[in-house]
Amino acid sequence: METYARILLIAMPAFLFLVLFEKWYGYRKRKDPFRALDTISSLSSGYTNVLKDVLGLSITIISYDWFSSHFAFFKIENTIATYVIAFIALDFMGYWVHRLSHEVNLFWNKHAIHHSSEEYNLACALRQSISSFVNIWTFFLIPAAIFGVPPIVIATVAPLHLFAQFWYHTVYIGKMGILEKIIVTPSHHRVHHSINPEYMDKNHSQIFIIWDKLFGTFQEELPDVPPVYGITRPVSTWNPVKINFLHLWILIKDAWRAPKIWDKFRIWFMPTGWRPEGFDEKYPIKKISDPYHFQKYDIQLNENALVWVWVQFVATLGFLVLLFLNISKLDMAGMLTFGAFIFLHVYSYTEFMDKNPNAIFFEIIKSLYLIVGLLAFSYWSPIISENLKIILIVYGISATILTWYFAKKSPQHSLSRTS
């Protein structure tokens, strides 16, 4: 937990710099309109994901340690080869977990957030799930356990394997020659993020493209079929916490409404998007039928309101850094209560981005939670000095006033049409 937090203290600024550099490059080349709210939504999703991981808000049914102790038929030294085997084993697991996340209704809920942006850029790489609380996939690492790869090696390589998937979320790198046959490239992954019929549910590999070619899910990017990004059931919100549970909410409602017991059970494990017979007509859900002509979600804020969103976004980064720098000083109650405040913070300002009439309510709840936490409890005392406490109380009060003011002044939203 503490080690991962310190890794993130280095990784987060690096990712943020690269995201903003890509946006600057696109703006300079007049290729990117820089939809600021989409970018902030993506980065805020990254906030919630790393926070959940650092707080350890998930459980593993059977750990890799258990598999390693029961299936290790070989014993290899802790050498370069050990790390190579671990990397390949993680990539094999990643392919199957990724593929099943696209093919099974229940598992799609944890992955839909990653595809929810209607843009394709480095920021959308950070749209990661907070809705998965149970890890059942470690059995895919049995090959590594058989070769005796130590658990510490898996734990070391896993973040590197994850971070290595960041760079190819971009439209600014074309085909890469011989590398197209070896690794996942931006071209391969653009196909994966597309809702074009030719591209749907293809290219699930994470580092080595060989898995898609072996298991029949490879699709090359076609010169005459430009990728269109997003998901076929658009989320129509900037709030990453909501996005994480939208598909699950559809499944819950459909399971509740289903008249047949068999449908109530099987809906969770049917192919993604499956609904009981007649439900599409009886309980319609907005769906993109023509990927080349649909309206992108694009709430418009005035300039001052947008600046205020950026302030809230940067403040959230400050809260994360404060937590990650000092996480060893907090007990579990302190970590969880401070983490809950950060989740509330993200929820509040992204509701404001959506121009939800209830945004001011969430802002009041967030600020009250902050002030009560600072004044009435001692959970956060080890990391917040008296001077910082005063600053944060002033921030909480000011944030509520400014959010109310900008909510009143911001014009109605509009939608933009794809070209």
Protein backbone atom coordinates (compact mmCIF):
# COMPACT_ATOMS: atom_id res chain seq x y z
CA MET A 1 0.00 0.00 0.00
CA GLU A 2 2.65 2.52 1.06
CA THR A 3 5.07 1.42 -1.67
CA TYR A 4 2.44 1.74 -4.39
CA ALA A 5 1.49 5.19 -3.08
CA ARG A 6 5.09 6.33 -3.44
CA ILE A 7 5.31 4.92 -6.97
CA LEU A 8 2.18 6.90 -7.85
CA LEU A 9 3.72 10.10 -6.50
CA ILE A 10 6.20 9.81 -9.36
CA ALA A 11 3.84 8.36 -11.97
CA MET A 12 0.94 10.82 -11.54
CA PRO A 13 2.88 14.02 -12.40
CA ALA A 14 4.55 12.23 -15.31
CA PHE A 15 1.21 11.07 -16.75
CA LEU A 16 -0.34 14.51 -16.22
CA PHE A 17 2.57 16.18 -18.04
CA LEU A 18 2.29 13.78 -20.98
CA VAL A 19 -1.49 14.26 -21.21
CA LEU A 20 -1.14 18.04 -21.30
CA PHE A 21 1.79 17.84 -23.72
CA GLU A 22 -0.31 15.74 -26.11
CA LYS A 23 -3.11 18.31 -25.84
CA TRP A 24 -0.69 21.14 -26.56
CA TYR A 25 0.70 19.24 -29.54
CA GLY A 26 -2.78 18.58 -30.93
CA TYR A 27 -3.79 22.20 -30.46
CA ARG A 28 -0.62 23.42 -32.18
CA LYS A 29 -1.19 21.07 -35.12
CA ARG A 30 -4.88 22.08 -35.20
CA LYS A 31 -5.85 18.43 -34.91
CA ASP A 32 -7.38 18.46 -31.44
CA PRO A 33 -10.19 20.77 -30.26
CA PHE A 34 -9.18 20.00 -26.63
CA ARG A 35 -12.49 19.13 -25.03
CA ALA A 36 -11.40 20.18 -21.56
CA LEU A 37 -14.26 18.56 -19.64
CA ASP A 38 -13.65 15.20 -21.30
CA THR A 39 -9.99 15.42 -20.31
CA ILE A 40 -10.79 16.41 -16.73
CA SER A 41 -13.30 13.57 -16.50
CA SER A 42 -10.68 11.08 -17.68
CA LEU A 43 -8.01 12.36 -15.29
CA SER A 44 -10.51 12.40 -12.43
CA SER A 45 -11.30 8.77 -13.16
CA GLY A 46 -7.58 8.12 -12.77
CA TYR A 47 -7.73 9.83 -9.38
CA THR A 48 -10.50 7.54 -8.15
CA ASN A 49 -8.81 4.41 -9.51
CA VAL A 50 -5.43 4.98 -7.87
CA LEU A 51 -7.13 6.01 -4.63
CA LYS A 52 -9.14 2.78 -4.54
CA ASP A 53 -6.02 0.72 -5.22
CA VAL A 54 -3.93 2.45 -2.57
CA LEU A 55 -6.69 2.06 0.01
CA GLY A 56 -6.91 -1.65 -0.85
CA LEU A 57 -10.66 -1.60 -1.48
CA SER A 58 -10.79 -5.05 -3.06
CA ILE A 59 -10.20 -8.65 -2.10
CA THR A 60 -8.60 -11.55 -3.97
CA ILE A 61 -10.41 -14.87 -3.73
CA ILE A 62 -7.26 -16.97 -4.18
CA SER A 63 -3.95 -15.11 -4.04
CA TYR A 64 -0.93 -15.65 -6.25
CA ASP A 65 0.99 -16.59 -3.10
CA TRP A 66 -1.31 -19.61 -2.71
CA PHE A 67 -0.86 -20.68 -6.33
CA SER A 68 2.90 -20.24 -6.03
CA SER A 69 3.11 -22.42 -2.95
CA HIS A 70 0.93 -25.18 -4.48
CA PHE A 71 1.88 -25.24 -8.18
CA ALA A 72 5.60 -24.41 -8.27
CA PHE A 73 7.04 -27.42 -10.12
CA PHE A 74 10.28 -25.59 -10.91
CA LYS A 75 12.51 -23.28 -8.93
CA ILE A 76 14.22 -20.55 -10.89
CA GLU A 77 16.66 -18.02 -9.55
CA ASN A 78 15.63 -14.39 -9.21
CA THR A 79 17.24 -13.31 -12.48
CA ILE A 80 16.28 -11.35 -15.59
CA ALA A 81 14.56 -14.50 -16.89
CA THR A 82 12.29 -14.50 -13.85
CA TYR A 83 11.07 -11.00 -14.64
CA VAL A 84 10.62 -11.83 -18.33
CA ILE A 85 8.47 -14.87 -17.47
CA ALA A 86 6.47 -12.77 -15.01
CA PHE A 87 5.88 -10.09 -17.64
CA ILE A 88 4.71 -12.62 -20.24
CA ALA A 89 2.48 -14.38 -17.68
CA LEU A 90 0.88 -11.07 -16.68
CA ASP A 91 0.31 -10.25 -20.34
CA PHE A 92 -1.34 -13.62 -20.95
CA MET A 93 -3.62 -13.03 -17.96
CA GLY A 94 -4.28 -9.47 -19.14
CA TYR A 95 -5.47 -10.66 -22.54
CA TRP A 96 -8.04 -13.07 -21.10
CA VAL A 97 -9.28 -10.74 -18.38
CA HIS A 98 -9.61 -7.98 -20.97
CA ARG A 99 -11.39 -10.22 -23.45
CA LEU A 100 -13.84 -11.57 -20.88
CA SER A 101 -14.54 -7.99 -19.76
CA HIS A 102 -15.82 -7.34 -23.28
CA GLU A 103 -17.73 -10.58 -23.70
CA VAL A 104 -19.62 -11.10 -20.42
CA ASN A 105 -22.38 -8.76 -19.19
CA LEU A 106 -21.28 -8.64 -15.56
CA PHE A 107 -17.59 -8.15 -16.32
CA TRP A 108 -18.26 -5.35 -18.81
CA ASN A 109 -19.31 -3.12 -15.92
CA LYS A 110 -15.72 -2.93 -14.62
CA HIS A 111 -14.34 -2.07 -18.04
CA ALA A 112 -16.95 0.24 -19.57
CA ILE A 113 -15.39 3.27 -17.85
CA HIS A 114 -12.21 2.80 -19.88
CA HIS A 115 -14.11 2.97 -23.17
CA SER A 116 -16.57 5.66 -22.14
CA SER A 117 -14.67 8.64 -23.56
CA GLU A 118 -15.77 9.65 -27.05
CA GLU A 119 -12.22 10.83 -27.68
CA TYR A 120 -9.03 8.79 -27.95
CA ASN A 121 -6.03 10.27 -26.20
CA LEU A 122 -3.58 9.71 -23.37
CA ALA A 123 -6.12 11.03 -20.87
CA CYS A 124 -8.62 8.29 -21.69
CA ALA A 125 -5.94 5.72 -20.81
CA LEU A 126 -6.45 6.82 -17.20
CA ARG A 127 -10.18 6.02 -17.22
CA GLN A 128 -9.90 2.98 -15.00
CA SER A 129 -12.37 1.07 -12.88
CA ILE A 130 -13.36 1.47 -9.24
CA SER A 131 -16.31 -0.93 -9.52
CA SER A 132 -14.39 -4.19 -9.15
CA PHE A 133 -14.14 -5.21 -5.50
CA VAL A 134 -13.41 -8.94 -5.93
CA ASN A 135 -10.46 -10.28 -7.91
CA ILE A 136 -11.12 -13.76 -9.29
CA TRP A 137 -8.56 -13.74 -12.09
CA THR A 138 -5.33 -14.82 -10.42
CA PHE A 139 -5.78 -18.39 -11.70
CA PHE A 140 -4.57 -17.08 -15.07
CA LEU A 141 -1.17 -16.68 -13.39
CA ILE A 142 -0.80 -20.43 -12.78
CA PRO A 143 1.80 -20.66 -15.61
CA ALA A 144 4.01 -18.22 -13.68
CA ALA A 145 3.45 -20.22 -10.48
CA ILE A 146 4.44 -23.46 -12.26
CA PHE A 147 7.77 -21.89 -13.22
CA GLY A 148 8.31 -20.79 -9.64
CA VAL A 149 8.13 -17.03 -10.19
CA PRO A 150 8.19 -15.52 -6.66
CA PRO A 151 5.21 -13.41 -5.59
CA ILE A 152 7.50 -10.41 -5.02
CA VAL A 153 8.47 -10.49 -8.69
CA ILE A 154 4.82 -10.50 -9.80
CA ALA A 155 4.13 -7.60 -7.43
CA THR A 156 7.10 -5.68 -8.85
CA VAL A 157 6.34 -6.30 -12.51
CA ALA A 158 2.55 -5.72 -12.33
CA PRO A 159 2.72 -1.89 -12.05
CA LEU A 160 5.29 -1.77 -14.86
CA HIS A 161 3.04 -3.89 -17.06
CA LEU A 162 0.13 -1.56 -16.30
CA PHE A 163 2.07 1.67 -16.94
CA ALA A 164 3.40 0.26 -20.23
CA GLN A 165 -0.16 0.35 -21.61
CA PHE A 166 -0.39 4.13 -21.34
CA TRP A 167 1.58 5.34 -24.36
CA TYR A 168 -0.48 3.77 -27.15
CA HIS A 169 -3.66 5.72 -26.36
CA THR A 170 -3.01 8.36 -28.99
CA VAL A 171 -4.02 9.31 -32.53
CA TYR A 172 -0.69 10.98 -33.26
CA ILE A 173 1.36 7.83 -33.92
CA GLY A 174 0.65 5.97 -37.15
CA LYS A 175 1.63 2.48 -38.23
CA MET A 176 4.98 1.39 -36.73
CA GLY A 177 6.38 -1.05 -39.30
CA ILE A 178 7.70 -4.34 -37.98
CA LEU A 179 6.55 -3.49 -34.45
CA GLU A 180 2.96 -3.92 -35.64
CA LYS A 181 3.63 -7.67 -35.72
CA ILE A 182 5.09 -7.85 -32.20
CA ILE A 183 3.58 -5.38 -29.75
CA VAL A 184 0.31 -3.54 -29.28
CA THR A 185 0.66 -0.24 -31.10
CA PRO A 186 -1.53 2.88 -31.17
CA SER A 187 -3.02 1.62 -34.45
CA HIS A 188 -4.01 -1.70 -32.88
CA HIS A 189 -5.51 -0.05 -29.83
CA ARG A 190 -7.42 2.56 -31.83
CA VAL A 191 -9.26 -0.40 -33.34
CA HIS A 192 -9.97 -1.75 -29.87
CA HIS A 193 -11.53 1.52 -28.66
CA SER A 194 -13.75 1.90 -31.73
CA ILE A 195 -17.47 1.30 -32.09
CA ASN A 196 -17.29 0.71 -35.84
CA PRO A 197 -18.88 -2.68 -36.65
CA GLU A 198 -15.62 -3.77 -38.32
CA TYR A 199 -13.65 -3.11 -35.15
CA MET A 200 -15.92 -4.04 -32.24
CA ASP A 201 -14.39 -6.35 -29.60
CA LYS A 202 -11.06 -6.80 -31.33
CA ASN A 203 -7.41 -6.45 -30.24
CA HIS A 204 -7.65 -7.29 -26.54
CA SER A 205 -3.89 -7.77 -26.09
CA GLN A 206 -2.14 -5.41 -23.70
CA ILE A 207 1.56 -5.56 -24.64
CA PHE A 208 2.17 -8.42 -27.09
CA ILE A 209 -0.26 -8.55 -30.02
CA ILE A 210 0.47 -12.26 -30.47
CA TRP A 211 -2.42 -13.25 -28.16
CA ASP A 212 -5.03 -11.74 -30.50
CA LYS A 213 -3.47 -13.48 -33.47
CA LEU A 214 -3.36 -16.79 -31.62
CA PHE A 215 -6.94 -16.64 -30.35
CA GLY A 216 -8.66 -15.07 -33.37
CA THR A 217 -9.45 -11.56 -32.13
CA PHE A 218 -7.01 -9.53 -34.23
CA GLN A 219 -8.16 -6.75 -36.55
CA GLU A 220 -5.90 -4.36 -38.44
CA GLU A 221 -6.79 -0.67 -38.65
CA LEU A 222 -8.22 -0.17 -42.14
CA PRO A 223 -7.24 2.92 -44.16
CA ASP A 224 -10.80 3.47 -45.38
CA VAL A 225 -12.54 2.94 -41.99
CA PRO A 226 -11.65 5.78 -39.59
CA PRO A 227 -12.18 4.71 -35.97
CA VAL A 228 -15.08 6.23 -34.02
CA TYR A 229 -14.60 6.11 -30.27
CA GLY A 230 -16.83 5.51 -27.27
CA ILE A 231 -19.38 2.87 -26.30
CA THR A 232 -22.63 2.04 -28.07
CA ARG A 233 -24.65 2.91 -24.96
CA PRO A 234 -23.23 6.40 -24.33
CA VAL A 235 -22.84 7.38 -20.68
CA SER A 236 -23.80 11.06 -21.14
CA THR A 237 -22.03 12.22 -17.99
CA TRP A 238 -18.60 13.48 -16.95
CA ASN A 239 -18.94 11.90 -13.49
CA PRO A 240 -16.52 8.92 -13.36
CA VAL A 241 -18.08 7.49 -10.21
CA LYS A 242 -21.47 7.28 -11.94
CA ILE A 243 -19.96 5.83 -15.12
CA ASN A 244 -18.45 2.97 -13.12
CA PHE A 245 -21.89 1.67 -12.15
CA LEU A 246 -24.19 2.61 -15.06
CA HIS A 247 -24.04 -0.81 -16.73
CA LEU A 248 -24.45 -2.57 -13.40
CA TRP A 249 -27.58 -0.49 -12.73
CA ILE A 250 -29.03 -1.58 -16.08
CA LEU A 251 -28.37 -5.23 -15.20
CA ILE A 252 -29.96 -4.85 -11.76
CA LYS A 253 -33.09 -3.24 -13.20
CA ASP A 254 -33.40 -5.81 -15.99
CA ALA A 255 -32.89 -8.70 -13.57
CA TRP A 256 -35.55 -7.26 -11.26
CA ARG A 257 -38.03 -6.74 -14.09
CA ALA A 258 -37.43 -10.08 -15.81
CA PRO A 259 -40.52 -12.29 -15.39
CA LYS A 260 -38.54 -15.54 -15.83
CA ILE A 261 -36.31 -16.78 -13.01
CA TRP A 262 -33.88 -18.18 -15.60
CA ASP A 263 -33.48 -14.71 -17.17
CA LYS A 264 -32.90 -13.15 -13.76
CA PHE A 265 -29.95 -15.49 -13.28
CA ARG A 266 -28.41 -15.73 -16.73
CA ILE A 267 -28.45 -12.02 -17.57
CA TRP A 268 -25.24 -11.60 -15.55
CA PHE A 269 -23.29 -14.15 -17.60
CA MET A 270 -24.72 -13.65 -21.07
CA PRO A 271 -22.79 -11.81 -23.82
CA THR A 272 -22.38 -8.10 -23.19
CA GLY A 273 -25.52 -6.15 -24.01
CA TRP A 274 -27.88 -9.14 -23.79
CA ARG A 275 -31.32 -8.37 -22.35
CA PRO A 276 -34.43 -10.53 -21.90
CA GLU A 277 -36.68 -10.83 -24.94
CA GLY A 278 -38.68 -7.69 -25.63
CA PHE A 279 -36.82 -5.49 -23.16
CA ASP A 280 -35.28 -3.27 -25.86
CA GLU A 281 -38.79 -2.20 -26.86
CA LYS A 282 -40.37 -2.21 -23.40
CA TYR A 283 -37.48 -0.55 -21.56
CA PRO A 284 -35.51 1.26 -24.29
CA ILE A 285 -31.94 2.40 -23.66
CA LYS A 286 -30.23 5.05 -25.76
CA LYS A 287 -27.91 3.29 -28.20
CA ILE A 288 -25.72 4.49 -31.07
CA SER A 289 -26.85 2.75 -34.24
CA ASP A 290 -24.80 4.82 -36.69
CA PRO A 291 -21.25 5.45 -35.41
CA TYR A 292 -20.61 8.05 -38.10
CA HIS A 293 -23.51 10.34 -37.22
CA PHE A 294 -24.26 10.79 -33.54
CA GLN A 295 -24.10 13.59 -31.01
CA LYS A 296 -21.18 13.63 -28.65
CA TYR A 297 -21.81 14.53 -25.05
CA ASP A 298 -20.47 18.05 -24.67
CA ILE A 299 -21.72 20.17 -21.79
CA GLN A 300 -20.63 23.79 -22.21
CA LEU A 301 -19.42 25.88 -19.25
CA ASN A 302 -18.54 29.54 -19.45
CA GLU A 303 -14.89 30.50 -19.11
CA ASN A 304 -15.00 31.37 -15.40
CA ALA A 305 -16.85 28.17 -14.50
CA LEU A 306 -14.30 26.15 -16.48
CA VAL A 307 -11.45 27.82 -14.59
CA TRP A 308 -13.20 26.91 -11.35
CA VAL A 309 -13.40 23.26 -12.44
CA TRP A 310 -9.66 23.28 -13.11
CA VAL A 311 -9.09 24.72 -9.62
CA GLN A 312 -11.17 21.91 -8.11
CA PHE A 313 -9.30 19.35 -10.18
CA VAL A 314 -5.88 20.64 -9.05
CA ALA A 315 -7.09 20.81 -5.44
CA THR A 316 -8.02 17.12 -5.68
CA LEU A 317 -4.51 16.33 -6.87
CA GLY A 318 -3.21 18.18 -3.82
CA PHE A 319 -5.39 16.09 -1.51
CA LEU A 320 -4.17 12.88 -3.16
CA VAL A 321 -0.52 13.92 -2.80
CA LEU A 322 -1.11 14.83 0.85
CA LEU A 323 -2.60 11.38 1.49
CA PHE A 324 0.01 9.41 -0.47
CA LEU A 325 2.94 11.25 1.11
CA ASN A 326 1.69 10.58 4.62
CA ILE A 327 -0.27 7.36 4.34
CA SER A 328 1.95 5.54 6.84
CA LYS A 329 0.98 8.11 9.50
CA LEU A 330 -2.74 7.30 9.31
CA ASP A 331 -4.61 4.38 10.79
CA MET A 332 -7.24 2.57 8.72
CA ALA A 333 -10.03 4.90 9.88
CA GLY A 334 -7.97 7.93 8.89
CA MET A 335 -7.16 6.53 5.44
CA LEU A 336 -10.72 5.50 4.68
CA THR A 337 -12.35 8.71 5.90
CA PHE A 338 -9.87 10.93 4.06
CA GLY A 339 -10.23 8.75 0.96
CA ALA A 340 -14.02 9.12 1.19
CA PHE A 341 -13.58 12.89 1.19
CA ILE A 342 -11.53 12.72 -2.03
CA PHE A 343 -14.19 10.54 -3.68
CA LEU A 344 -16.83 13.07 -2.60
CA HIS A 345 -14.70 15.89 -3.98
CA VAL A 346 -14.47 14.25 -7.41
CA TYR A 347 -18.17 13.43 -7.40
CA SER A 348 -19.08 17.01 -6.52
CA TYR A 349 -17.11 18.89 -9.15
CA THR A 350 -17.93 16.40 -11.92
CA GLU A 351 -21.64 16.83 -11.11
CA PHE A 352 -21.00 20.56 -11.54
CA MET A 353 -19.38 19.78 -14.91
CA ASP A 354 -22.60 17.97 -15.89
CA LYS A 355 -24.62 21.01 -14.81
CA ASN A 356 -26.66 18.75 -12.58
CA PRO A 357 -29.11 20.91 -10.56
CA ASN A 358 -28.11 18.84 -7.50
CA ALA A 359 -24.41 19.76 -7.85
CA ILE A 360 -24.65 22.42 -5.16
CA PHE A 361 -26.14 19.84 -2.79
CA PHE A 362 -23.15 17.54 -3.28
CA GLU A 363 -20.82 20.51 -2.87
CA ILE A 364 -22.43 21.37 0.47
CA ILE A 365 -22.19 17.75 1.64
CA LYS A 366 -18.51 17.61 0.60
CA SER A 367 -17.62 20.85 2.37
CA LEU A 368 -19.52 19.91 5.52
CA TYR A 369 -17.80 16.53 5.56
CA LEU A 370 -14.42 18.28 5.27
CA ILE A 371 -15.12 20.82 8.00
CA VAL A 372 -16.61 18.27 10.43
CA GLY A 373 -13.70 15.94 9.76
CA LEU A 374 -11.23 18.69 10.54
CA LEU A 375 -12.95 20.02 13.66
CA ALA A 376 -14.74 17.10 15.29
CA PHE A 377 -12.50 14.11 14.68
CA SER A 378 -8.81 13.33 15.15
CA TYR A 379 -8.40 10.83 12.30
CA TRP A 380 -6.55 13.31 10.08
CA SER A 381 -4.53 15.10 12.77
CA PRO A 382 -1.26 13.26 11.98
CA ILE A 383 -1.14 14.79 8.47
CA ILE A 384 -2.91 18.16 8.86
CA SER A 385 -1.33 20.96 10.86
CA GLU A 386 -3.32 23.71 12.54
CA ASN A 387 -2.43 26.20 9.81
CA LEU A 388 -3.43 23.77 7.06
CA LYS A 389 -6.67 23.09 8.93
CA ILE A 390 -7.61 26.78 8.74
CA ILE A 391 -6.73 26.91 5.03
CA LEU A 392 -8.90 23.86 4.30
CA ILE A 393 -11.87 25.23 6.25
CA VAL A 394 -11.67 28.47 4.26
CA TYR A 395 -11.38 26.39 1.09
CA GLY A 396 -14.49 24.36 1.96
CA ILE A 397 -16.60 27.45 2.61
CA SER A 398 -15.28 29.29 -0.47
CA ALA A 399 -15.81 26.23 -2.69
CA THR A 400 -19.48 26.05 -1.76
CA ILE A 401 -20.04 29.74 -2.44
CA LEU A 402 -18.18 29.71 -5.76
CA THR A 403 -19.87 26.53 -6.97
CA TRP A 404 -23.28 28.05 -6.22
CA TYR A 405 -22.30 31.29 -7.99
CA PHE A 406 -20.94 29.66 -11.15
CA ALA A 407 -23.86 27.21 -11.31
CA LYS A 408 -26.21 30.19 -11.46
CA LYS A 409 -24.17 31.99 -14.11
CA SER A 410 -23.32 29.10 -16.46
CA PRO A 411 -25.49 28.83 -19.64
CA GLN A 412 -27.42 25.74 -20.69
CA HIS A 413 -25.56 22.79 -22.14
CA SER A 414 -25.32 21.85 -25.80
CA LEU A 415 -24.31 18.81 -27.79
CA SER A 416 -21.83 18.61 -30.63
CA ARG A 417 -22.26 16.40 -33.68
CA THR A 418 -19.48 14.17 -35.00
CA SER A 419 -18.22 14.94 -38.45
